[in-house]
Every structure is written in C-alpha cells, then in structure tokens.
Amino acid sequence: MLDSLAQRLTEVLTKLRRKGRLTRADVEEGLREVRRVLLEADVNYKVAKGFIERVGEKALGQEVLESLTPGQQLIKIIKDELTATMGGQGAELDLAAKPAVVMLVGLQGSGKTTTAGKLARYLVRKGRAKRPLLVCVDPYRPAAGEQLRQIAERLGYASYHGDGSPSSPLAIARSALERARAEGFDLVLLDTAGRLQIDEPLMEELEELKRELKPQEILLVADAMTGQEAVAIAGEFHRRLGLTGLILTKMDGDARGGAALSMVEVTGLPIKLIGTGEGLEELEPFHPERLAGRILGMGDLLSLIEEAEERLDRKRAEELAERLVKEEFTLQDFLDQLRQVRRMGPLERLLERLPGGGRLQIEDKELDKVEAIINSMTREERLNPQIIDGSRKRRIARGSGTHVSEVNRLLKRFNEAKRLMRQLGKLGRKGKLPLEELPF
C-alpha cells in the first residue's frame, strides 16, 4: 500500500536517523527531500507546503536538535503530522435509521458496484447490519443490475434493480425503499449511475435522489490511483451533494499516495473506508494513524491482529498452541496453520503490516512450494517427520516438483521453529515473559 511513497520516505528518514546529532542544516535538507517526495507522490502543492512548514516549526526546536535521539523524534513529528493531515482519527458510518440508506456516488470505473458488495459484507461482519439490500439505480449502463445481482448472490444478500420495465433512477430507489420497509431490511445500499466525467444531468439526478430518499450517508467512491484528479472530483461532488465521507478504492495498487494524503485537508471530508484488493472481503476502515505508520515502515499490528481475530479459527489456533507446548506439533499441524494464515490474504499484504516487513522479500509462491512439499508426504511422514530418510526425500521432491535440497531446508526450518516455540511455551508457562528472556 503506497509502496513507492513509503520507500522514498523511508530512504530519506533513514539517512537522518543514522546521524548521532542533527544540525539545523541537516533537518532543513531532510525536509526539502521529504517535500520533494510528497510532490512526486502527487500530494496537493498547498498540502505539502503546509505539512513541511508545520513539521519544520516543531523539528527545528531545541528539544529535537539537542535530543540524544533526534532522528527518532523527527520521525515521530512527521508521523503525527501525517496522521493529522489525513484527518487525525477514523470516522464511523451513521446507520442509526432503520432502514439506513447509504448512497454511493462517483464516476464510472471508480469501483462503486464492487464497493457496494464489499461495504455490505463489511457492515454485516462488524454487526452493524443484518439484512442489507443492494440496489442498482443505474438504468443506463448495460448489465449494471446483473453485475450487482451476481455480487449480492455470492455474498448471500438480496438485490434489487427494478421490475424489468423502463424506470428512472428515482422510481427504482423509491420502489426499493418500499420493499426494504415491507420486508424488514435494515440497510439499503444505493449503487448510483456514474459518468466518464461530471456532467449536469448526472448531478441533478443525484440531487433528486438525495432530496427524496434523505440518505444517512452519501459516500464518494474514488479511485486512489487518479491522484489529484480524485481530489478535484471529490470537491465538485461535495459542493453539489454535501458528501458525508469518502471511500478510496485500489489502495493496493501502485498509487502514488497523493489522494489519500490530500483529500481530507482539501475537501474537509473524512476518508471512512479504503479498498485494499479485489476480493469482496478486502475493505477496511480508514485509520489515519495506522496508515501513517505503514507509510513510515512502522507496520500496522493493530489492523493485523483485528483481521486475524476475524478470519482465523480461534479454537483451532488454541488446539495448535496446546499441541506445541506438549511437543506434539507435527508437519500436518504446520500445514493447517499455514492454510489459516493464507486465508488472511496475500503474504505481501500481511508483511507490510509488520514493522519493517515491507522490506522482506517473501513471495506467495514460496508458500506454494512449502504446501506442495508437505502435500507430497504420506500421513505417517507428516505426523512423524523423523522417519523421512533419503529415499523418502527423493520421492517427496519428485511429487512436489522441487529438489531434495528444498525438502531438507523445509525439514530443518520446521525443526528449528518447533524447538524455538517449545522454549517460548516453557517460558510462557512461568508467567509474563520479559523481553530479555526471549531465546533469539
């Protein structure tokens, strides 16, 4: 997420952190580099200028320059200012009404229809909705209603796009709201029509929908990869509709980051959610402080923990931990654990949430290879790896399309991990584990 921006900022700040003492000239040169990085990332010029001025005012104080860890203090100042620039804290959706009406607006290609499905799934998973109704109020785009219907069907939710007769967006929306009230739906998500560019008929249509349906939320779905264009689009939609917030899509792409860093300050609107992938589960709340941490290479352990709690089988994880402590952990257990972790998404996405994890070069295909090797073993070999001799290793390598050296490497790593975790388990049983007692 925002890889190029994160990499460039990390390079600049690493140089400063390595210096024992910082002079005023060091700080000023560093801030010039940070400003250049922000502008190259397509951050709004005024936003970048104000950001550097605020950081400079705090960083050039005696407290930082005379500190024993000036580099660390400067990074903290930059993190705090990044957080403030992106809104300071996350913003919740207002779903108090029953049914709550949420209107998604935006240009064609921004990802509104997919986001409607993602948002419904997210709100149900968070317990904020029980019965969502996904409504297509786009009678112009061919197959728009069918696309939304298929997404809703995959998720097990209801959808609506009119009764088949030619209807206006307003007529479809009214009919959908009547159905929601009659059948007990608690959330109505309106996937509105888009255009290739903002035009008067589109805005008038959306204004009419707002007047009639009085939605609790009007969210602009904007493509983060469009940079400053997305900021300009948000400003115009907000002027005409009075938006309540933003959803940025394609944050997992090679976005330069300018939109995410500029939108809140330029428009005054909160970013409420971000799309982090193509899967229908890949929508997450926007936490400015956490994203600032990711941009600066500090990771985002809180989001990782929250996602693990939602997606992993807690009971199975506890069983594996117990087997580990009892020294009964096998390659079959290891395979089960690997599959659970992979349910959380691509490895690259998990690593970027660990402090410094973005620098680790581990690819999903390496895990594919590990899984293939274990799958090529017999059940007996998985439960008792010590019986795997030379001839068995050759058979396993042939079956998995790998080399014997790779089978040896996996077995060695498994034994080392098992030994390390056994030590941790024993120390953990003694009570709280001080950091100095960790065996690594």
Protein backbone atom coordinates (compact mmCIF):
# COMPACT_ATOMS: atom_id res chain seq x y z
CA MET A 1 0.00 0.00 0.00
CA LEU A 2 1.52 3.30 -1.18
CA ASP A 3 4.76 1.38 -1.68
CA SER A 4 6.64 3.98 -3.70
CA LEU A 5 5.82 6.79 -1.25
CA ALA A 6 6.74 4.60 1.73
CA GLN A 7 10.02 3.51 0.15
CA ARG A 8 11.14 7.04 -0.73
CA LEU A 9 10.21 8.48 2.67
CA THR A 10 11.96 5.62 4.46
CA GLU A 11 15.15 6.26 2.48
CA VAL A 12 15.16 9.96 3.41
CA LEU A 13 14.40 9.38 7.08
CA THR A 14 16.89 6.51 7.44
CA LYS A 15 19.72 8.90 6.49
CA LEU A 16 18.63 11.30 9.22
CA ARG A 17 18.14 8.57 11.82
CA ARG A 18 21.68 7.26 11.30
CA LYS A 19 23.21 10.57 12.33
CA GLY A 20 24.09 10.84 16.00
CA ARG A 21 23.33 14.55 16.10
CA LEU A 22 21.24 16.66 13.75
CA THR A 23 22.16 20.21 12.83
CA ARG A 24 19.68 22.79 11.59
CA ALA A 25 21.14 22.29 8.09
CA ASP A 26 20.57 18.51 8.35
CA VAL A 27 16.91 18.99 9.26
CA GLU A 28 16.30 21.61 6.56
CA GLU A 29 17.89 19.42 3.89
CA GLY A 30 15.89 16.41 5.09
CA LEU A 31 12.63 18.36 4.95
CA ARG A 32 13.42 19.55 1.42
CA GLU A 33 13.80 15.88 0.45
CA VAL A 34 10.52 14.98 2.18
CA ARG A 35 8.77 17.82 0.33
CA ARG A 36 10.15 16.55 -2.99
CA VAL A 37 8.93 13.02 -2.20
CA LEU A 38 5.43 14.29 -1.36
CA LEU A 39 5.14 16.32 -4.56
CA GLU A 40 6.34 13.36 -6.64
CA ALA A 41 3.66 11.28 -4.92
CA ASP A 42 1.11 13.76 -6.32
CA VAL A 43 0.26 15.35 -2.98
CA ASN A 44 -1.51 18.67 -3.43
CA TYR A 45 1.06 21.51 -3.51
CA LYS A 46 -0.61 23.54 -0.74
CA VAL A 47 -0.99 20.43 1.43
CA ALA A 48 2.71 19.54 1.00
CA LYS A 49 3.78 23.12 1.72
CA GLY A 50 1.68 23.34 4.90
CA PHE A 51 2.86 19.92 6.04
CA ILE A 52 6.56 20.83 5.71
CA GLU A 53 6.03 24.17 7.46
CA ARG A 54 4.35 22.50 10.45
CA VAL A 55 6.99 19.77 10.70
CA GLY A 56 9.81 22.31 10.32
CA GLU A 57 8.41 24.51 13.08
CA LYS A 58 8.44 21.59 15.52
CA ALA A 59 11.59 19.85 14.26
CA LEU A 60 13.84 22.93 14.45
CA GLY A 61 13.12 23.45 18.14
CA GLN A 62 15.87 22.96 20.69
CA GLU A 63 14.15 19.84 22.06
CA VAL A 64 14.83 17.89 18.87
CA LEU A 65 18.20 19.33 17.91
CA GLU A 66 19.65 18.73 21.39
CA SER A 67 17.98 15.36 21.91
CA LEU A 68 20.03 12.17 22.26
CA THR A 69 17.76 10.56 19.62
CA PRO A 70 16.94 13.46 17.26
CA GLY A 71 16.26 11.18 14.27
CA GLN A 72 13.60 9.24 16.17
CA GLN A 73 11.98 12.43 17.44
CA LEU A 74 11.84 13.86 13.93
CA ILE A 75 10.16 10.69 12.64
CA LYS A 76 7.59 10.93 15.44
CA ILE A 77 6.82 14.52 14.46
CA ILE A 78 6.39 13.50 10.81
CA LYS A 79 4.14 10.59 11.80
CA ASP A 80 1.97 12.85 13.96
CA GLU A 81 1.66 15.42 11.15
CA LEU A 82 0.86 12.73 8.56
CA THR A 83 -1.87 11.47 10.87
CA ALA A 84 -3.29 14.98 11.34
CA THR A 85 -3.16 15.68 7.60
CA MET A 86 -5.25 12.57 6.92
CA GLY A 87 -7.87 13.53 9.48
CA GLY A 88 -6.43 12.56 12.86
CA GLN A 89 -8.80 9.69 13.52
CA GLY A 90 -11.17 7.36 11.70
CA ALA A 91 -14.85 8.20 11.15
CA GLU A 92 -17.78 5.82 11.66
CA LEU A 93 -20.78 5.48 9.35
CA ASP A 94 -24.12 6.81 10.59
CA LEU A 95 -26.56 3.88 10.41
CA ALA A 96 -28.97 4.91 13.15
CA ALA A 97 -32.10 4.94 10.94
CA LYS A 98 -33.93 1.70 10.11
CA PRO A 99 -33.57 1.05 7.31
CA ALA A 100 -30.37 3.08 6.98
CA VAL A 101 -29.91 4.43 3.45
CA VAL A 102 -26.35 4.72 2.12
CA MET A 103 -25.83 6.29 -1.31
CA LEU A 104 -22.64 5.51 -3.23
CA VAL A 105 -21.68 8.08 -5.87
CA GLY A 106 -18.72 8.53 -8.20
CA LEU A 107 -17.51 8.39 -11.78
CA GLN A 108 -17.57 5.28 -13.95
CA GLY A 109 -14.70 2.93 -13.26
CA SER A 110 -14.14 4.04 -9.67
CA GLY A 111 -15.42 0.69 -8.35
CA LYS A 112 -18.85 1.65 -6.97
CA THR A 113 -20.61 -1.65 -7.74
CA THR A 114 -17.91 -3.87 -6.23
CA THR A 115 -17.63 -1.47 -3.29
CA ALA A 116 -21.38 -1.83 -2.65
CA GLY A 117 -20.86 -5.58 -2.14
CA LYS A 118 -17.75 -5.05 -0.05
CA LEU A 119 -19.48 -2.49 2.14
CA ALA A 120 -22.50 -4.76 2.73
CA ARG A 121 -20.20 -7.63 3.73
CA TYR A 122 -18.08 -5.37 5.97
CA LEU A 123 -21.09 -3.96 7.85
CA VAL A 124 -22.64 -7.40 8.36
CA ARG A 125 -19.31 -8.80 9.58
CA LYS A 126 -18.98 -5.89 12.04
CA GLY A 127 -22.52 -6.48 13.33
CA ARG A 128 -23.72 -3.07 12.10
CA ALA A 129 -26.27 -4.55 9.68
CA LYS A 130 -28.15 -7.86 9.49
CA ARG A 131 -30.17 -7.73 6.26
CA PRO A 132 -28.69 -5.49 3.56
CA LEU A 133 -30.49 -4.79 0.29
CA LEU A 134 -28.17 -3.89 -2.61
CA VAL A 135 -29.96 -1.61 -5.09
CA CYS A 136 -28.80 -0.73 -8.60
CA VAL A 137 -30.15 2.70 -9.58
CA ASP A 138 -28.20 2.77 -12.83
CA PRO A 139 -30.60 2.04 -15.72
CA TYR A 140 -28.09 3.31 -18.30
CA ARG A 141 -25.06 1.04 -18.07
CA PRO A 142 -25.66 -2.31 -19.78
CA ALA A 143 -25.72 -5.21 -17.30
CA ALA A 144 -25.16 -2.92 -14.28
CA GLY A 145 -28.05 -4.55 -12.43
CA GLU A 146 -26.86 -8.04 -13.33
CA GLN A 147 -23.35 -7.29 -12.05
CA LEU A 148 -24.71 -6.14 -8.69
CA ARG A 149 -27.08 -9.13 -8.54
CA GLN A 150 -24.19 -11.56 -9.04
CA ILE A 151 -22.12 -9.86 -6.31
CA ALA A 152 -25.07 -9.94 -3.90
CA GLU A 153 -25.74 -13.60 -4.73
CA ARG A 154 -22.12 -14.54 -3.99
CA LEU A 155 -22.46 -12.91 -0.58
CA GLY A 156 -25.90 -14.35 0.12
CA TYR A 157 -27.63 -10.96 0.19
CA ALA A 158 -30.71 -9.63 -1.60
CA SER A 159 -30.51 -7.22 -4.55
CA TYR A 160 -32.96 -5.07 -6.48
CA HIS A 161 -32.79 -3.25 -9.83
CA GLY A 162 -36.42 -2.58 -10.71
CA ASP A 163 -39.26 -4.71 -12.00
CA GLY A 164 -37.90 -5.07 -15.53
CA SER A 165 -39.84 -2.19 -17.05
CA PRO A 166 -38.06 1.04 -18.03
CA SER A 167 -37.77 3.17 -14.91
CA SER A 168 -35.96 6.28 -13.75
CA PRO A 169 -33.31 6.03 -11.01
CA LEU A 170 -35.69 7.79 -8.61
CA ALA A 171 -38.54 5.35 -9.33
CA ILE A 172 -36.21 2.38 -8.75
CA ALA A 173 -34.91 3.86 -5.49
CA ARG A 174 -38.42 4.61 -4.18
CA SER A 175 -39.59 1.08 -5.00
CA ALA A 176 -36.50 -0.43 -3.33
CA LEU A 177 -37.08 1.60 -0.14
CA GLU A 178 -40.70 0.46 0.00
CA ARG A 179 -39.57 -3.15 -0.32
CA ALA A 180 -36.93 -2.66 2.39
CA ARG A 181 -39.53 -1.31 4.83
CA ALA A 182 -42.07 -4.02 3.99
CA GLU A 183 -39.62 -6.94 4.24
CA GLY A 184 -37.53 -5.82 7.21
CA PHE A 185 -34.20 -4.92 5.56
CA ASP A 186 -32.11 -2.73 7.89
CA LEU A 187 -29.67 -1.37 5.29
CA VAL A 188 -30.29 -0.08 1.76
CA LEU A 189 -27.15 0.44 -0.34
CA LEU A 190 -27.77 2.53 -3.46
CA ASP A 191 -25.30 1.92 -6.29
CA THR A 192 -25.91 5.06 -8.38
CA ALA A 193 -25.09 5.74 -12.04
CA GLY A 194 -21.73 7.17 -12.99
CA ARG A 195 -20.34 9.03 -15.98
CA LEU A 196 -16.92 9.26 -17.58
CA GLN A 197 -16.85 12.81 -16.26
CA ILE A 198 -19.02 15.04 -14.09
CA ASP A 199 -21.95 16.49 -16.05
CA GLU A 200 -25.08 18.45 -15.18
CA PRO A 201 -27.68 15.69 -15.82
CA LEU A 202 -25.79 13.31 -13.52
CA MET A 203 -25.58 15.83 -10.68
CA GLU A 204 -29.25 16.79 -10.99
CA GLU A 205 -30.23 13.12 -10.86
CA LEU A 206 -28.16 12.58 -7.71
CA GLU A 207 -29.55 15.73 -6.10
CA GLU A 208 -33.07 14.44 -6.75
CA LEU A 209 -32.22 11.09 -5.13
CA LYS A 210 -30.82 12.90 -2.10
CA ARG A 211 -33.94 15.10 -1.71
CA GLU A 212 -36.36 12.20 -1.98
CA LEU A 213 -34.58 9.44 -0.04
CA LYS A 214 -32.74 11.58 2.56
CA PRO A 215 -29.81 9.11 2.90
CA GLN A 216 -27.89 8.96 6.18
CA GLU A 217 -24.63 8.66 4.26
CA ILE A 218 -23.59 9.93 0.82
CA LEU A 219 -20.18 8.41 0.14
CA LEU A 220 -17.98 9.24 -2.83
CA VAL A 221 -16.18 6.17 -4.17
CA ALA A 222 -12.91 7.47 -5.65
CA ASP A 223 -10.01 5.67 -7.33
CA ALA A 224 -6.84 6.38 -5.31
CA MET A 225 -4.70 5.88 -8.41
CA THR A 226 -6.12 9.01 -10.08
CA GLY A 227 -4.27 11.26 -7.62
CA GLN A 228 -5.14 14.95 -7.72
CA GLU A 229 -7.95 14.33 -10.20
CA ALA A 230 -9.72 12.37 -7.44
CA VAL A 231 -9.36 15.38 -5.12
CA ALA A 232 -10.94 17.70 -7.70
CA ILE A 233 -13.78 15.22 -8.31
CA ALA A 234 -14.44 14.99 -4.55
CA GLY A 235 -14.63 18.78 -4.30
CA GLU A 236 -17.26 19.03 -7.04
CA PHE A 237 -19.41 16.18 -5.72
CA HIS A 238 -19.25 17.67 -2.22
CA ARG A 239 -20.28 21.12 -3.47
CA ARG A 240 -23.38 19.72 -5.15
CA LEU A 241 -24.39 16.91 -2.81
CA GLY A 242 -22.94 17.60 0.61
CA LEU A 243 -20.99 14.34 0.92
CA THR A 244 -20.61 12.70 4.32
CA GLY A 245 -17.36 10.91 3.53
CA LEU A 246 -15.09 9.13 1.07
CA ILE A 247 -14.18 5.56 0.17
CA LEU A 248 -10.82 5.22 -1.61
CA THR A 249 -10.50 2.16 -3.86
CA LYS A 250 -7.41 0.49 -5.35
CA MET A 251 -5.21 1.42 -2.40
CA ASP A 252 -3.38 -1.85 -3.04
CA GLY A 253 -2.29 -0.69 -6.50
CA ASP A 254 0.76 1.34 -7.42
CA ALA A 255 -0.92 4.50 -6.20
CA ARG A 256 1.46 7.36 -5.52
CA GLY A 257 -0.49 8.30 -2.42
CA GLY A 258 -1.36 11.89 -3.22
CA ALA A 259 -5.12 11.36 -3.00
CA ALA A 260 -5.02 9.75 0.46
CA LEU A 261 -2.74 12.48 1.82
CA SER A 262 -4.55 15.41 0.21
CA MET A 263 -8.27 14.63 0.24
CA VAL A 264 -9.12 15.29 3.87
CA GLU A 265 -7.33 18.65 4.06
CA VAL A 266 -8.53 19.88 0.65
CA THR A 267 -12.16 18.77 0.92
CA GLY A 268 -12.70 18.73 4.69
CA LEU A 269 -14.27 15.28 4.31
CA PRO A 270 -13.22 12.17 6.23
CA ILE A 271 -11.99 9.07 4.43
CA LYS A 272 -14.18 6.41 6.05
CA LEU A 273 -13.07 3.21 4.30
CA ILE A 274 -10.39 2.00 1.88
CA GLY A 275 -10.40 -0.84 -0.63
CA THR A 276 -7.23 -2.94 -0.31
CA GLY A 277 -7.76 -5.57 -3.01
CA GLU A 278 -10.16 -7.09 -5.50
CA GLY A 279 -11.73 -9.62 -3.10
CA LEU A 280 -15.13 -8.81 -1.58
CA GLU A 281 -13.61 -9.04 1.90
CA GLU A 282 -10.89 -6.50 1.13
CA LEU A 283 -12.41 -3.34 2.53
CA GLU A 284 -11.21 -1.90 5.81
CA PRO A 285 -11.84 1.16 7.99
CA PHE A 286 -9.50 4.07 7.41
CA HIS A 287 -7.28 4.75 10.41
CA PRO A 288 -5.01 7.76 9.67
CA GLU A 289 -2.53 6.90 12.42
CA ARG A 290 -2.19 3.31 11.25
CA LEU A 291 -1.69 4.31 7.60
CA ALA A 292 0.92 6.88 8.67
CA GLY A 293 2.72 4.04 10.46
CA ARG A 294 2.64 1.89 7.31
CA ILE A 295 3.95 4.75 5.16
CA LEU A 296 6.89 5.22 7.56
CA GLY A 297 7.69 1.49 7.69
CA MET A 298 6.39 1.04 11.26
CA GLY A 299 3.78 -1.51 10.27
CA ASP A 300 0.21 -1.79 11.48
CA LEU A 301 -0.01 -4.56 14.04
CA LEU A 302 -3.41 -3.46 15.37
CA SER A 303 -5.10 -4.00 12.00
CA LEU A 304 -3.27 -7.30 11.57
CA ILE A 305 -4.48 -8.52 14.97
CA GLU A 306 -8.06 -7.40 14.28
CA GLU A 307 -8.07 -9.19 10.93
CA ALA A 308 -6.58 -12.34 12.45
CA GLU A 309 -9.30 -12.38 15.11
CA GLU A 310 -11.97 -12.15 12.42
CA ARG A 311 -10.60 -14.60 9.89
CA LEU A 312 -8.73 -17.25 11.82
CA ASP A 313 -10.28 -20.21 13.60
CA ARG A 314 -9.60 -19.35 17.25
CA LYS A 315 -10.45 -22.82 18.53
CA ARG A 316 -8.08 -24.49 16.05
CA ALA A 317 -5.33 -21.98 16.90
CA GLU A 318 -5.68 -22.78 20.62
CA GLU A 319 -5.50 -26.51 19.86
CA LEU A 320 -2.30 -26.00 17.85
CA ALA A 321 -0.76 -23.93 20.66
CA GLU A 322 -1.57 -26.67 23.18
CA ARG A 323 -0.04 -29.35 20.94
CA LEU A 324 3.06 -27.20 20.57
CA VAL A 325 3.53 -26.89 24.33
CA LYS A 326 3.06 -30.66 24.70
CA GLU A 327 5.68 -31.22 21.97
CA GLU A 328 3.10 -32.90 19.73
CA PHE A 329 3.29 -30.33 16.90
CA THR A 330 3.60 -32.05 13.50
CA LEU A 331 4.00 -31.11 9.85
CA GLN A 332 0.25 -31.67 9.46
CA ASP A 333 -0.33 -29.04 12.16
CA PHE A 334 2.15 -26.79 10.39
CA LEU A 335 0.23 -27.19 7.11
CA ASP A 336 -3.08 -26.42 8.86
CA GLN A 337 -1.54 -23.28 10.38
CA LEU A 338 -0.11 -22.19 7.03
CA ARG A 339 -3.53 -22.52 5.39
CA GLN A 340 -5.14 -20.45 8.16
CA VAL A 341 -2.61 -17.65 7.69
CA ARG A 342 -3.16 -17.66 3.93
CA ARG A 343 -6.87 -17.10 4.49
CA MET A 344 -5.90 -13.58 5.60
CA GLY A 345 -4.83 -12.66 2.07
CA PRO A 346 -1.61 -12.29 0.05
CA LEU A 347 1.60 -12.61 2.03
CA GLU A 348 2.80 -9.22 0.80
CA ARG A 349 -0.25 -7.58 2.44
CA LEU A 350 0.48 -9.29 5.75
CA LEU A 351 4.17 -8.40 5.73
CA GLU A 352 3.57 -4.69 5.11
CA ARG A 353 1.69 -4.56 8.41
CA LEU A 354 4.74 -5.76 10.34
CA PRO A 355 7.36 -3.19 11.38
CA GLY A 356 9.95 -3.30 8.61
CA GLY A 357 8.00 -6.09 6.94
CA GLY A 358 7.75 -4.22 3.65
CA ARG A 359 11.48 -4.82 3.14
CA LEU A 360 11.11 -8.60 3.42
CA GLN A 361 11.24 -10.34 0.06
CA ILE A 362 8.97 -13.31 0.64
CA GLU A 363 6.50 -14.25 -2.07
CA ASP A 364 3.35 -16.34 -2.05
CA LYS A 365 4.96 -18.79 -4.48
CA GLU A 366 7.42 -19.78 -1.74
CA LEU A 367 4.46 -20.79 0.44
CA ASP A 368 3.01 -22.65 -2.56
CA LYS A 369 6.23 -24.66 -2.66
CA VAL A 370 6.09 -25.41 1.09
CA GLU A 371 2.49 -26.56 0.77
CA ALA A 372 3.33 -28.74 -2.26
CA ILE A 373 6.17 -30.46 -0.37
CA ILE A 374 4.01 -31.27 2.66
CA ASN A 375 1.15 -32.43 0.42
CA SER A 376 3.54 -34.88 -1.24
CA MET A 377 4.21 -36.59 2.09
CA THR A 378 2.22 -39.52 3.41
CA ARG A 379 0.13 -39.02 6.52
CA GLU A 380 2.67 -41.03 8.51
CA GLU A 381 5.50 -38.77 7.32
CA ARG A 382 3.60 -35.62 8.29
CA LEU A 383 2.92 -36.96 11.77
CA ASN A 384 6.46 -38.37 12.24
CA PRO A 385 8.92 -36.28 10.16
CA GLN A 386 11.86 -38.09 11.75
CA ILE A 387 11.17 -41.19 9.56
CA ILE A 388 11.84 -39.22 6.35
CA ASP A 389 15.12 -40.71 5.05
CA GLY A 390 16.96 -40.15 1.78
CA SER A 391 14.71 -42.27 -0.44
CA ARG A 392 11.57 -40.68 1.01
CA LYS A 393 13.01 -37.20 0.40
CA ARG A 394 13.65 -38.06 -3.26
CA ARG A 395 10.07 -39.29 -3.65
CA ILE A 396 8.66 -36.18 -1.94
CA ALA A 397 10.80 -33.90 -4.15
CA ARG A 398 9.59 -35.67 -7.33
CA GLY A 399 5.97 -35.47 -6.19
CA SER A 400 6.15 -31.75 -5.39
CA GLY A 401 8.24 -30.70 -8.38
CA THR A 402 11.06 -29.48 -6.12
CA HIS A 403 14.62 -30.54 -5.24
CA VAL A 404 15.79 -32.67 -2.32
CA SER A 405 17.67 -29.61 -1.01
CA GLU A 406 14.35 -27.75 -0.71
CA VAL A 407 12.81 -30.67 1.20
CA ASN A 408 15.84 -30.65 3.53
CA ARG A 409 15.50 -26.89 4.02
CA LEU A 410 11.83 -27.22 4.97
CA LEU A 411 12.51 -30.00 7.48
CA LYS A 412 15.38 -28.01 9.01
CA ARG A 413 13.24 -24.88 9.37
CA PHE A 414 10.38 -26.88 10.84
CA ASN A 415 12.64 -28.44 13.49
CA GLU A 416 14.19 -25.06 14.35
CA ALA A 417 10.78 -23.41 14.65
CA LYS A 418 9.48 -26.29 16.74
CA ARG A 419 12.45 -26.04 19.10
CA LEU A 420 12.11 -22.26 19.42
CA MET A 421 8.36 -22.38 20.05
CA ARG A 422 8.86 -25.14 22.63
CA GLN A 423 11.25 -22.85 24.52
CA LEU A 424 8.76 -19.97 24.33
CA GLY A 425 5.99 -22.25 25.54
CA LYS A 426 8.01 -23.28 28.60
CA LEU A 427 8.93 -19.70 29.41
CA GLY A 428 5.34 -18.59 28.88
CA ARG A 429 4.04 -21.07 31.45
CA LYS A 430 6.17 -19.33 34.09
CA GLY A 431 4.13 -16.15 33.73
CA LYS A 432 4.83 -12.93 31.91
CA LEU A 433 7.79 -13.20 29.59
CA PRO A 434 10.34 -10.37 29.89
CA LEU A 435 11.86 -9.36 26.56
CA GLU A 436 15.40 -10.13 27.77
CA GLU A 437 14.41 -13.79 28.26
CA LEU A 438 13.40 -14.33 24.63
CA PRO A 439 15.68 -17.01 23.12
CA PHE A 440 16.58 -15.02 19.98
